[in-house]
Protein backbone atom coordinates (compact mmCIF):
# COMPACT_ATOMS: atom_id res chain seq x y z
CA MET A 1 -2.70 12.46 5.07
CA ALA A 2 -2.27 13.09 2.30
CA ALA A 3 -2.59 11.55 -1.32
CA ALA A 4 -3.21 9.57 -1.33
CA HIS A 5 -3.36 9.49 -2.89
CA LEU A 6 -4.95 9.62 -6.05
CA LEU A 7 -6.14 11.97 -11.22
CA ALA A 8 -8.28 14.75 -14.93
CA ALA A 9 -13.25 19.87 -22.42
CA SER A 10 -16.17 21.23 -24.13
CA THR A 11 -18.99 23.45 -22.78
CA SER A 12 -19.11 24.08 -19.01
CA SER A 13 -22.40 24.06 -17.15
CA SER A 14 -24.39 27.06 -16.08
CA SER A 15 -22.80 27.03 -12.62
CA THR A 16 -19.30 27.59 -14.00
CA ALA A 17 -17.99 31.14 -14.05
CA ALA A 18 -17.70 32.64 -17.56
CA PHE A 19 -14.21 32.96 -19.07
CA ARG A 20 -13.25 35.13 -22.03
CA PRO A 21 -10.03 34.80 -24.09
CA PRO A 22 -7.21 35.54 -23.80
CA LEU A 23 -6.63 33.87 -20.43
CA ARG A 24 -4.07 35.46 -18.09
CA LEU A 25 -3.14 35.49 -14.43
CA ARG A 26 -4.11 38.58 -12.51
CA SER A 27 -1.37 40.44 -10.73
CA PRO A 28 -1.74 40.11 -6.96
CA THR A 29 -1.27 43.87 -6.58
CA HIS A 30 -4.61 44.61 -8.24
CA THR A 31 -7.95 44.54 -6.51
CA PRO A 32 -9.81 41.45 -7.71
CA HIS A 33 -12.85 41.96 -9.88
CA LEU A 34 -15.76 40.01 -8.39
CA ARG A 35 -19.02 38.99 -9.94
CA LEU A 36 -21.84 36.63 -9.02
CA ASN A 37 -22.38 33.51 -11.05
CA ARG A 38 -25.81 32.11 -11.79
CA THR A 39 -25.95 30.26 -8.50
CA GLY A 40 -25.71 33.58 -6.64
CA ARG A 41 -22.40 32.60 -5.07
CA ARG A 42 -19.21 34.56 -5.44
CA PRO A 43 -16.55 32.89 -7.61
CA PHE A 44 -12.91 33.06 -6.59
CA PRO A 45 -11.19 35.49 -8.97
CA VAL A 46 -7.76 33.90 -9.25
CA VAL A 47 -7.85 33.59 -13.00
CA ARG A 48 -9.76 36.14 -15.01
CA ALA A 49 -10.19 36.81 -18.68
CA ALA A 50 -9.30 40.17 -20.19
CA GLU A 51 -12.38 42.35 -20.74
CA THR A 52 -13.65 42.94 -24.26
CA ASP A 53 -15.01 46.21 -25.49
CA ALA A 54 -18.12 44.62 -26.93
CA LYS A 55 -20.82 44.38 -24.30
CA ASP A 56 -22.56 41.57 -26.10
CA ALA A 57 -19.43 39.44 -26.59
CA LYS A 58 -20.34 35.79 -26.29
CA PRO A 59 -18.52 34.07 -23.41
CA LYS A 60 -16.49 30.98 -24.20
CA ALA A 61 -15.99 27.96 -22.01
CA PRO A 62 -12.54 27.20 -20.65
CA GLU A 63 -10.53 24.84 -22.83
CA LYS A 64 -10.25 22.38 -19.95
CA ALA A 65 -13.96 22.34 -19.11
CA PRO A 66 -15.44 18.88 -18.71
CA ALA A 67 -17.57 17.43 -21.44
CA ALA A 68 -21.24 18.40 -21.36
CA GLY A 69 -23.30 15.94 -19.41
CA GLY A 70 -20.50 14.84 -17.07
CA SER A 71 -20.98 11.90 -14.78
CA SER A 72 -23.06 12.32 -11.60
CA PHE A 73 -21.20 9.32 -10.18
CA ASN A 74 -17.83 11.00 -10.78
CA GLN A 75 -19.16 14.17 -9.18
CA LEU A 76 -20.11 12.33 -6.00
CA LEU A 77 -16.72 10.61 -5.87
CA GLY A 78 -14.87 13.88 -6.46
CA ILE A 79 -12.94 12.75 -9.54
CA LYS A 80 -12.47 14.22 -13.01
CA GLY A 81 -15.30 14.01 -15.52
CA ALA A 82 -17.76 15.21 -12.89
CA LYS A 83 -21.15 16.65 -13.75
CA GLN A 84 -21.57 20.32 -12.86
CA GLU A 85 -23.88 20.53 -9.85
CA THR A 86 -25.85 23.28 -8.10
CA ASP A 87 -26.99 21.18 -5.14
CA ILE A 88 -24.85 22.45 -2.26
CA TRP A 89 -24.70 19.11 -0.44
CA LYS A 90 -23.51 17.28 -3.54
CA ILE A 91 -20.88 20.00 -3.99
CA ARG A 92 -19.81 19.64 -0.36
CA LEU A 93 -19.44 15.88 -0.83
CA GLN A 94 -17.44 16.43 -4.02
CA LEU A 95 -14.97 18.63 -2.14
CA THR A 96 -14.26 15.83 0.35
CA LYS A 97 -13.32 13.49 -2.55
CA PRO A 98 -14.87 10.23 -1.28
CA VAL A 99 -12.66 8.32 -3.73
CA THR A 100 -9.73 9.10 -1.39
CA TRP A 101 -11.37 7.65 1.73
CA PRO A 102 -10.81 3.89 1.14
CA PRO A 103 -6.99 3.93 1.73
CA LEU A 104 -7.53 5.51 5.15
CA VAL A 105 -10.34 3.12 6.01
CA TRP A 106 -8.13 0.23 4.91
CA GLY A 107 -5.25 1.59 6.99
CA VAL A 108 -7.41 1.42 10.12
CA LEU A 109 -8.33 -2.17 9.24
CA CYS A 110 -4.65 -3.05 8.80
CA GLY A 111 -3.77 -1.48 12.15
CA ALA A 112 -6.55 -3.38 13.91
CA ALA A 113 -5.35 -6.62 12.31
CA ALA A 114 -1.72 -5.91 13.25
CA SER A 115 -2.70 -5.36 16.90
CA GLY A 116 -3.64 -9.02 17.26
CA ASN A 117 -6.40 -7.96 19.66
CA PHE A 118 -9.29 -7.27 17.32
CA HIS A 119 -12.23 -9.63 17.76
CA TRP A 120 -15.41 -9.88 15.73
CA THR A 121 -17.58 -8.62 18.56
CA VAL A 122 -20.20 -5.89 18.25
CA GLU A 123 -18.10 -3.52 20.35
CA ASP A 124 -14.85 -4.02 18.43
CA VAL A 125 -16.62 -3.68 15.08
CA ALA A 126 -18.34 -0.50 16.31
CA LYS A 127 -15.00 0.96 17.49
CA SER A 128 -13.36 0.21 14.16
CA ILE A 129 -16.24 1.80 12.22
CA VAL A 130 -16.00 4.99 14.30
CA CYS A 131 -12.23 5.05 13.74
CA MET A 132 -12.80 4.62 9.99
CA ILE A 133 -15.29 7.52 9.97
CA MET A 134 -12.76 9.66 11.82
CA SER A 135 -9.97 8.79 9.39
CA GLY A 136 -12.00 8.79 6.15
CA PRO A 137 -15.01 11.11 5.83
CA CYS A 138 -13.97 13.49 8.62
CA LEU A 139 -10.19 13.99 8.54
CA THR A 140 -9.60 12.98 4.92
CA GLY A 141 -12.58 15.14 3.95
CA TYR A 142 -11.00 17.99 5.91
CA THR A 143 -7.67 17.38 4.19
CA GLN A 144 -9.17 17.38 0.69
CA THR A 145 -11.32 20.46 1.31
CA ILE A 146 -8.48 22.53 2.75
CA ASN A 147 -6.21 21.39 -0.07
CA ASP A 148 -8.76 22.54 -2.67
CA TRP A 149 -9.11 25.82 -0.80
CA TYR A 150 -5.39 26.60 -0.93
CA ASP A 151 -5.12 25.20 -4.47
CA ARG A 152 -7.91 27.35 -5.90
CA ASP A 153 -5.43 29.39 -7.94
CA ILE A 154 -3.86 26.24 -9.39
CA ASP A 155 -7.28 24.70 -10.09
CA ALA A 156 -8.30 27.90 -11.85
CA ILE A 157 -5.61 27.01 -14.40
CA ASN A 158 -5.84 23.22 -14.46
CA GLU A 159 -9.53 22.63 -13.66
CA PRO A 160 -11.43 25.96 -13.64
CA TYR A 161 -14.75 24.14 -13.49
CA ARG A 162 -14.07 22.72 -10.00
CA PRO A 163 -16.44 23.91 -7.24
CA ILE A 164 -14.23 26.57 -5.64
CA PRO A 165 -12.69 28.37 -8.65
CA SER A 166 -15.99 28.21 -10.53
CA GLY A 167 -17.87 29.81 -7.64
CA ALA A 168 -20.28 26.90 -7.21
CA ILE A 169 -19.66 27.16 -3.46
CA SER A 170 -19.01 30.35 -1.50
CA GLU A 171 -15.99 31.26 0.60
CA ASN A 172 -17.92 31.07 3.88
CA GLU A 173 -19.39 27.70 2.96
CA VAL A 174 -15.95 26.25 2.28
CA ILE A 175 -14.46 27.58 5.53
CA THR A 176 -17.43 26.28 7.53
CA GLN A 177 -16.99 22.84 5.99
CA ILE A 178 -13.29 22.81 6.89
CA TRP A 179 -14.00 23.57 10.55
CA VAL A 180 -16.91 21.14 10.89
CA LEU A 181 -14.93 18.23 9.46
CA LEU A 182 -11.85 19.03 11.55
CA LEU A 183 -13.73 19.32 14.84
CA ALA A 184 -15.76 16.20 14.10
CA GLY A 185 -12.60 14.20 13.44
CA LEU A 186 -10.87 15.42 16.60
CA GLY A 187 -14.03 14.79 18.62
CA LEU A 188 -14.26 11.20 17.41
CA GLY A 189 -10.59 10.70 18.25
CA ALA A 190 -11.19 11.82 21.83
CA LEU A 191 -14.29 9.60 22.03
CA LEU A 192 -12.31 6.55 20.91
CA ASP A 193 -9.68 7.11 23.62
CA VAL A 194 -12.38 7.23 26.30
CA TRP A 195 -14.10 4.18 24.80
CA ALA A 196 -10.86 2.18 24.74
CA GLY A 197 -9.96 3.25 28.29
CA HIS A 198 -6.64 4.83 27.31
CA ASP A 199 -4.70 6.60 30.05
CA PHE A 200 -2.94 8.61 27.34
CA PRO A 201 -5.21 9.95 24.53
CA ILE A 202 -3.09 8.53 21.72
CA VAL A 203 -5.83 8.37 19.08
CA PHE A 204 -6.73 12.02 19.71
CA TYR A 205 -3.11 13.09 19.40
CA LEU A 206 -2.70 11.08 16.19
CA ALA A 207 -5.75 12.93 14.84
CA VAL A 208 -4.24 16.26 15.88
CA GLY A 209 -0.90 15.37 14.29
CA GLY A 210 -2.54 14.24 11.07
CA SER A 211 -4.65 17.41 10.90
CA LEU A 212 -1.59 19.60 11.44
CA LEU A 213 0.33 17.70 8.77
CA SER A 214 -2.58 18.19 6.36
CA TYR A 215 -2.62 21.91 7.08
CA ILE A 216 1.10 22.53 6.56
CA TYR A 217 1.00 20.33 3.45
CA SER A 218 -1.49 22.69 1.80
CA ALA A 219 -1.16 26.07 3.49
CA PRO A 220 1.54 28.75 3.34
CA PRO A 221 4.10 29.59 4.56
CA LEU A 222 5.36 25.99 4.77
CA LYS A 223 3.12 24.47 2.08
CA LEU A 224 5.00 21.17 1.97
CA LYS A 225 3.52 20.30 -1.41
CA GLN A 226 5.78 22.94 -2.95
CA ASN A 227 8.59 20.43 -2.51
CA GLY A 228 7.85 17.23 -4.39
CA TRP A 229 9.90 14.97 -2.11
CA ILE A 230 8.79 16.28 1.28
CA GLY A 231 5.19 16.93 0.27
CA ASN A 232 4.58 13.54 -1.29
CA PHE A 233 6.22 11.69 1.59
CA ALA A 234 4.03 13.61 4.05
CA LEU A 235 0.98 12.69 1.97
CA GLY A 236 2.05 9.06 1.85
CA ALA A 237 2.52 8.98 5.62
CA SER A 238 -0.93 10.48 6.20
CA TYR A 239 -2.55 7.86 3.99
CA ILE A 240 -0.69 4.79 5.26
CA SER A 241 1.07 5.29 8.60
CA LEU A 242 -1.38 7.45 10.55
CA PRO A 243 -4.57 5.40 10.06
CA TRP A 244 -2.60 2.21 10.69
CA TRP A 245 -1.25 3.66 13.94
CA ALA A 246 -4.74 4.77 14.99
CA GLY A 247 -6.22 1.32 14.34
CA GLN A 248 -3.42 -0.48 16.15
CA ALA A 249 -3.39 1.92 19.11
CA LEU A 250 -7.16 1.55 19.46
CA PHE A 251 -6.98 -2.22 19.95
CA GLY A 252 -3.44 -2.83 21.17
CA THR A 253 0.00 -1.30 21.55
CA LEU A 254 1.80 0.78 18.94
CA THR A 255 5.31 -0.72 18.93
CA PRO A 256 8.55 0.83 17.58
CA ASP A 257 8.98 -1.87 14.92
CA ILE A 258 5.52 -1.13 13.52
CA VAL A 259 6.32 2.60 13.45
CA VAL A 260 9.49 1.87 11.44
CA LEU A 261 7.75 -0.59 9.10
CA THR A 262 4.82 1.71 8.33
CA THR A 263 7.13 4.69 7.88
CA LEU A 264 8.97 2.61 5.30
CA TYR A 265 5.64 1.89 3.63
CA SER A 266 5.11 5.66 3.42
CA ILE A 267 7.85 5.72 0.76
CA ALA A 268 5.48 3.69 -1.38
CA GLY A 269 2.83 6.25 -0.48
CA LEU A 270 5.17 8.90 -1.89
CA GLY A 271 5.11 7.05 -5.20
CA ILE A 272 1.32 6.81 -5.16
CA ALA A 273 1.03 10.52 -4.39
CA ILE A 274 3.16 11.39 -7.43
CA VAL A 275 0.49 9.83 -9.67
CA ASN A 276 -1.77 12.79 -8.94
CA ASP A 277 0.92 15.35 -9.79
CA PHE A 278 0.99 14.61 -13.52
CA LYS A 279 -2.45 16.07 -14.19
CA SER A 280 -1.49 19.34 -12.42
CA ILE A 281 1.86 19.90 -14.10
CA GLU A 282 0.69 22.97 -16.06
CA GLY A 283 -0.62 24.85 -13.03
CA ASP A 284 2.24 23.73 -10.78
CA ARG A 285 4.81 25.01 -13.29
CA ALA A 286 2.99 28.33 -13.75
CA LEU A 287 2.88 28.94 -9.99
CA GLY A 288 6.38 27.70 -9.19
CA LEU A 289 5.44 24.51 -7.32
CA GLN A 290 8.26 21.98 -7.58
CA SER A 291 6.29 18.78 -7.94
CA LEU A 292 8.45 15.91 -9.16
CA PRO A 293 7.03 15.97 -12.72
CA VAL A 294 7.88 19.69 -12.86
CA ALA A 295 11.33 19.29 -11.28
CA PHE A 296 12.48 16.20 -13.19
CA GLY A 297 10.19 16.05 -16.21
CA MET A 298 7.45 13.53 -16.85
CA GLU A 299 9.69 10.72 -18.08
CA THR A 300 11.97 10.66 -15.03
CA ALA A 301 9.09 11.26 -12.59
CA LYS A 302 7.27 8.20 -13.96
CA TRP A 303 10.18 5.95 -13.01
CA ILE A 304 10.61 7.61 -9.60
CA CYS A 305 6.93 6.89 -8.97
CA VAL A 306 6.92 3.20 -9.83
CA GLY A 307 10.37 2.70 -8.28
CA ALA A 308 9.24 4.06 -4.91
CA ILE A 309 6.27 1.69 -4.86
CA ASP A 310 7.99 -1.47 -6.09
CA ILE A 311 11.26 -1.12 -4.16
CA THR A 312 9.34 -0.48 -0.94
CA GLN A 313 7.24 -3.60 -1.31
CA LEU A 314 10.24 -5.72 -2.21
CA SER A 315 12.05 -4.36 0.86
CA VAL A 316 9.12 -5.20 3.13
CA ALA A 317 8.95 -8.70 1.61
CA GLY A 318 12.64 -9.07 2.41
CA TYR A 319 12.00 -7.93 5.98
CA LEU A 320 9.21 -10.47 6.42
CA LEU A 321 11.45 -13.19 5.02
CA SER A 322 14.25 -12.24 7.43
CA THR A 323 11.85 -12.63 10.37
CA GLY A 324 10.80 -16.10 9.32
CA LYS A 325 7.49 -15.13 7.69
CA LEU A 326 8.16 -17.03 4.46
CA TYR A 327 4.58 -17.47 3.29
CA TYR A 328 3.69 -13.85 3.98
CA ALA A 329 6.79 -12.72 2.09
CA LEU A 330 5.86 -14.90 -0.89
CA ALA A 331 2.29 -13.57 -0.82
CA LEU A 332 3.58 -10.00 -0.88
CA LEU A 333 5.87 -10.81 -3.81
CA GLY A 334 2.94 -12.40 -5.62
CA LEU A 335 0.88 -9.23 -5.18
CA THR A 336 3.73 -7.07 -6.47
CA ILE A 337 3.90 -8.86 -9.84
CA PRO A 338 0.51 -7.67 -11.23
CA GLN A 339 1.29 -4.15 -10.04
CA VAL A 340 4.41 -4.12 -12.19
CA VAL A 341 2.43 -5.49 -15.15
CA PHE A 342 -0.16 -2.70 -14.89
CA GLN A 343 2.56 -0.10 -14.48
CA PHE A 344 3.98 -1.04 -17.87
CA GLN A 345 0.54 -1.49 -19.44
CA TYR A 346 -0.89 1.86 -18.33
CA PHE A 347 1.13 4.23 -16.19
CA LEU A 348 4.49 4.15 -17.93
CA LYS A 349 2.80 4.60 -21.32
CA ASP A 350 0.89 7.76 -20.37
CA PRO A 351 0.45 8.72 -16.69
CA VAL A 352 -2.17 11.37 -17.53
CA LYS A 353 -4.31 9.43 -20.01
CA TYR A 354 -4.31 6.19 -18.05
CA ASP A 355 -4.17 7.46 -14.48
CA VAL A 356 -7.64 6.23 -13.51
CA LYS A 357 -7.22 2.85 -15.21
CA TYR A 358 -3.85 2.39 -13.57
CA GLN A 359 -5.07 3.22 -10.09
CA ALA A 360 -8.17 1.05 -10.47
CA SER A 361 -6.16 -1.95 -11.68
CA ALA A 362 -2.89 -1.75 -9.73
CA GLN A 363 -3.74 -0.17 -6.40
CA PRO A 364 -5.96 -3.02 -5.12
CA PHE A 365 -2.89 -5.28 -5.14
CA PHE A 366 -0.97 -2.68 -3.16
CA VAL A 367 -3.62 -2.38 -0.45
CA LEU A 368 -3.91 -6.17 -0.21
CA GLY A 369 -0.15 -6.18 0.33
CA LEU A 370 -0.65 -3.85 3.29
CA LEU A 371 -3.08 -6.30 4.84
CA VAL A 372 -0.66 -9.20 4.28
CA THR A 373 2.04 -7.23 6.11
CA ALA A 374 -0.36 -6.38 8.94
CA LEU A 375 -1.34 -10.01 9.41
CA ALA A 376 2.31 -11.03 9.32
CA THR A 377 3.24 -8.62 12.12
CA SER A 378 0.31 -9.76 14.29
CA HIS A 379 1.69 -13.33 14.56
């Protein structure tokens, strides 16, 4: 649930729909003009260029198109700088954004550690792997795909070369993928409850709750992401609290103090989710979405972002100290220091230019801090 959290200009590839200047938004009262791209799939006509009188006018690539010869590795991870692909399975993988899976997988690991009942047996390892597949590839993949589906009009402004607005994947193919990933995730949740011998199917209901939260985050009429505070907190909770709860419930008991502590950690998730809003500020503003960079401006939003992360971790360190976990509290403080250094070195200088560098350098310390907290609560 979902942010994570976590961010993107020359010639587009042959699979990208042609754009002609000047660029304008179509009025929703007009019937969309559809055409097939070279892959034979129908592009989504949210943004369309004005027609020219000359039949032989040479099409121009969108200004925000990725550089020619983009990275195949980036394409498979679902991040900016991706190579334009025609292979449908690579496109399907790109939509699930595998780069967003690790926080969910890590959350399950933290929950299992916090339970105090995980053992390095074949059965416990197998259970945890299935729970990670449920949380990562299945339900996070569902979340990312449905978010791209409902954001296709925004992406047509910010990143028109992405699979859905470019027409690299058809409407039916996207909808099928959404349903397959959702049902697979819910099915694995039910399987885990049976496997663990639960009288109450808590893992299944956590999967249902997370899926519902993902839907209302992206889809109208609620579309939580329209409100920067509520939407980003919901995303933070889906990336930190829910997988932790699933991992802990699978191996032990989900206690009220853990629910409170992980909900507090979701405030840090809010800050992490804001990182991704800076690259979409143009489209969000054009379509009236009140992300925090749009509502407060980039300068203020930068400080809200880092403040949410750092204050949360300092608060959790204080909580651990108050419960007599001195060494765990000191370890968490030690992990917070390099995060602050990288925030000043990268993020606070330019959150758009250095987003990838910042996340690659600072976020590992944050996720290690989660594990420290999990281990502290298990003793």
